[in-house]
């Protein structure tokens, strides 16, 4: 399940893991898309602190391309 909110300076998508019969749900992941970067935030259940990763738009592009490529090392042209 997920939700989408459009804020003044970002689009925020919250990914909700509902779990299943074999495991409890994981903490929500919040993806905030700004003009210059994308941040991923999730609460670490061990420390109860929010961990955040920031990706540049170039890194996001590389990630999207990488999902369709075989193993290897690549450089963007």
C-alpha atoms as a PDB file:
ATOM      1  CA  UNK A   1       0.000   0.000   0.000  1.00  0.00           C
ATOM      2  CA  UNK A   2       1.206   3.552  -0.574  1.00  0.00           C
ATOM      3  CA  UNK A   3       0.063   7.141  -0.324  1.00  0.00           C
ATOM      4  CA  UNK A   4       0.997  10.215  -2.382  1.00  0.00           C
ATOM      5  CA  UNK A   5       0.985  13.785  -1.105  1.00  0.00           C
ATOM      6  CA  UNK A   6       1.927  16.906  -3.062  1.00  0.00           C
ATOM      7  CA  UNK A   7       3.554  19.487  -0.818  1.00  0.00           C
ATOM      8  CA  UNK A   8       4.884  22.947  -1.662  1.00  0.00           C
ATOM      9  CA  UNK A   9       8.417  21.842  -2.525  1.00  0.00           C
ATOM     10  CA  UNK A  10       8.154  18.057  -2.876  1.00  0.00           C
ATOM     11  CA  UNK A  11       6.038  15.072  -3.774  1.00  0.00           C
ATOM     12  CA  UNK A  12       5.965  12.628  -0.859  1.00  0.00           C
ATOM     13  CA  UNK A  13       5.238   8.932  -1.348  1.00  0.00           C
ATOM     14  CA  UNK A  14       4.830   6.753   1.739  1.00  0.00           C
ATOM     15  CA  UNK A  15       5.320   3.021   1.181  1.00  0.00           C
ATOM     16  CA  UNK A  16       3.477   0.953   3.774  1.00  0.00           C
ATOM     17  CA  UNK A  17       4.479  -2.678   4.268  1.00  0.00           C
ATOM     18  CA  UNK A  18       1.479  -4.569   5.582  1.00  0.00           C
ATOM     19  CA  UNK A  19       3.413  -7.749   6.405  1.00  0.00           C
ATOM     20  CA  UNK A  20       2.005 -11.216   5.809  1.00  0.00           C
ATOM     21  CA  UNK A  21       1.522 -14.560   7.534  1.00  0.00           C
ATOM     22  CA  UNK A  22       5.274 -15.204   7.770  1.00  0.00           C
ATOM     23  CA  UNK A  23       6.581 -11.852   9.039  1.00  0.00           C
ATOM     24  CA  UNK A  24       5.473  -8.664  10.753  1.00  0.00           C
ATOM     25  CA  UNK A  25       5.285  -5.456   8.726  1.00  0.00           C
ATOM     26  CA  UNK A  26       8.446  -3.425   8.165  1.00  0.00           C
ATOM     27  CA  UNK A  27       8.579   0.260   9.034  1.00  0.00           C
ATOM     28  CA  UNK A  28       7.102   2.671   6.473  1.00  0.00           C
ATOM     29  CA  UNK A  29       9.468   4.134   3.867  1.00  0.00           C
ATOM     30  CA  UNK A  30       8.977   7.817   3.031  1.00  0.00           C
ATOM     31  CA  UNK A  31      10.221   8.923  -0.397  1.00  0.00           C
ATOM     32  CA  UNK A  32      10.406  12.698  -0.851  1.00  0.00           C
ATOM     33  CA  UNK A  33      11.022  13.890  -4.416  1.00  0.00           C
ATOM     34  CA  UNK A  34      12.442  17.408  -4.584  1.00  0.00           C
ATOM     35  CA  UNK A  35      13.599  19.250  -7.684  1.00  0.00           C
ATOM     36  CA  UNK A  36      17.293  18.557  -6.980  1.00  0.00           C
ATOM     37  CA  UNK A  37      17.267  15.246  -5.077  1.00  0.00           C
ATOM     38  CA  UNK A  38      15.246  12.382  -3.651  1.00  0.00           C
ATOM     39  CA  UNK A  39      15.368  11.376   0.005  1.00  0.00           C
ATOM     40  CA  UNK A  40      14.425   8.000   1.478  1.00  0.00           C
ATOM     41  CA  UNK A  41      13.579   7.906   5.194  1.00  0.00           C
ATOM     42  CA  UNK A  42      12.737   4.989   7.460  1.00  0.00           C
ATOM     43  CA  UNK A  43      12.674   4.491  11.220  1.00  0.00           C
ATOM     44  CA  UNK A  44      15.263   1.979  12.445  1.00  0.00           C
ATOM     45  CA  UNK A  45      13.275  -0.211  14.859  1.00  0.00           C
ATOM     46  CA  UNK A  46      16.422  -1.082  16.846  1.00  0.00           C
ATOM     47  CA  UNK A  47      17.297   2.527  17.710  1.00  0.00           C
ATOM     48  CA  UNK A  48      13.906   4.174  17.059  1.00  0.00           C
ATOM     49  CA  UNK A  49      15.767   6.834  15.044  1.00  0.00           C
ATOM     50  CA  UNK A  50      14.995   7.934  11.506  1.00  0.00           C
ATOM     51  CA  UNK A  51      17.639   7.012   8.928  1.00  0.00           C
ATOM     52  CA  UNK A  52      17.760   9.095   5.768  1.00  0.00           C
ATOM     53  CA  UNK A  53      19.487   8.565   2.425  1.00  0.00           C
ATOM     54  CA  UNK A  54      19.763  11.348  -0.162  1.00  0.00           C
ATOM     55  CA  UNK A  55      20.152  10.519  -3.851  1.00  0.00           C
ATOM     56  CA  UNK A  56      21.057  13.065  -6.509  1.00  0.00           C
ATOM     57  CA  UNK A  57      18.946  13.003  -9.641  1.00  0.00           C
ATOM     58  CA  UNK A  58      21.937  11.462 -11.454  1.00  0.00           C
ATOM     59  CA  UNK A  59      22.029   8.613  -8.924  1.00  0.00           C
ATOM     60  CA  UNK A  60      18.287   8.069  -9.357  1.00  0.00           C
ATOM     61  CA  UNK A  61      18.765   7.897 -13.123  1.00  0.00           C
ATOM     62  CA  UNK A  62      21.611   5.384 -12.710  1.00  0.00           C
ATOM     63  CA  UNK A  63      19.457   3.260 -10.388  1.00  0.00           C
ATOM     64  CA  UNK A  64      16.587   3.157 -12.874  1.00  0.00           C
ATOM     65  CA  UNK A  65      18.952   2.167 -15.702  1.00  0.00           C
ATOM     66  CA  UNK A  66      20.736  -0.419 -13.517  1.00  0.00           C
ATOM     67  CA  UNK A  67      17.516  -2.303 -12.826  1.00  0.00           C
ATOM     68  CA  UNK A  68      17.450  -3.420 -16.481  1.00  0.00           C
ATOM     69  CA  UNK A  69      21.137  -4.312 -16.924  1.00  0.00           C
ATOM     70  CA  UNK A  70      23.140  -7.489 -16.230  1.00  0.00           C
ATOM     71  CA  UNK A  71      25.955  -7.640 -13.652  1.00  0.00           C
ATOM     72  CA  UNK A  72      28.916  -5.390 -14.358  1.00  0.00           C
ATOM     73  CA  UNK A  73      30.417  -1.951 -13.842  1.00  0.00           C
ATOM     74  CA  UNK A  74      28.994   0.863 -15.931  1.00  0.00           C
ATOM     75  CA  UNK A  75      29.716   4.549 -16.475  1.00  0.00           C
ATOM     76  CA  UNK A  76      27.107   7.017 -17.633  1.00  0.00           C
ATOM     77  CA  UNK A  77      28.037   8.850 -20.869  1.00  0.00           C
END
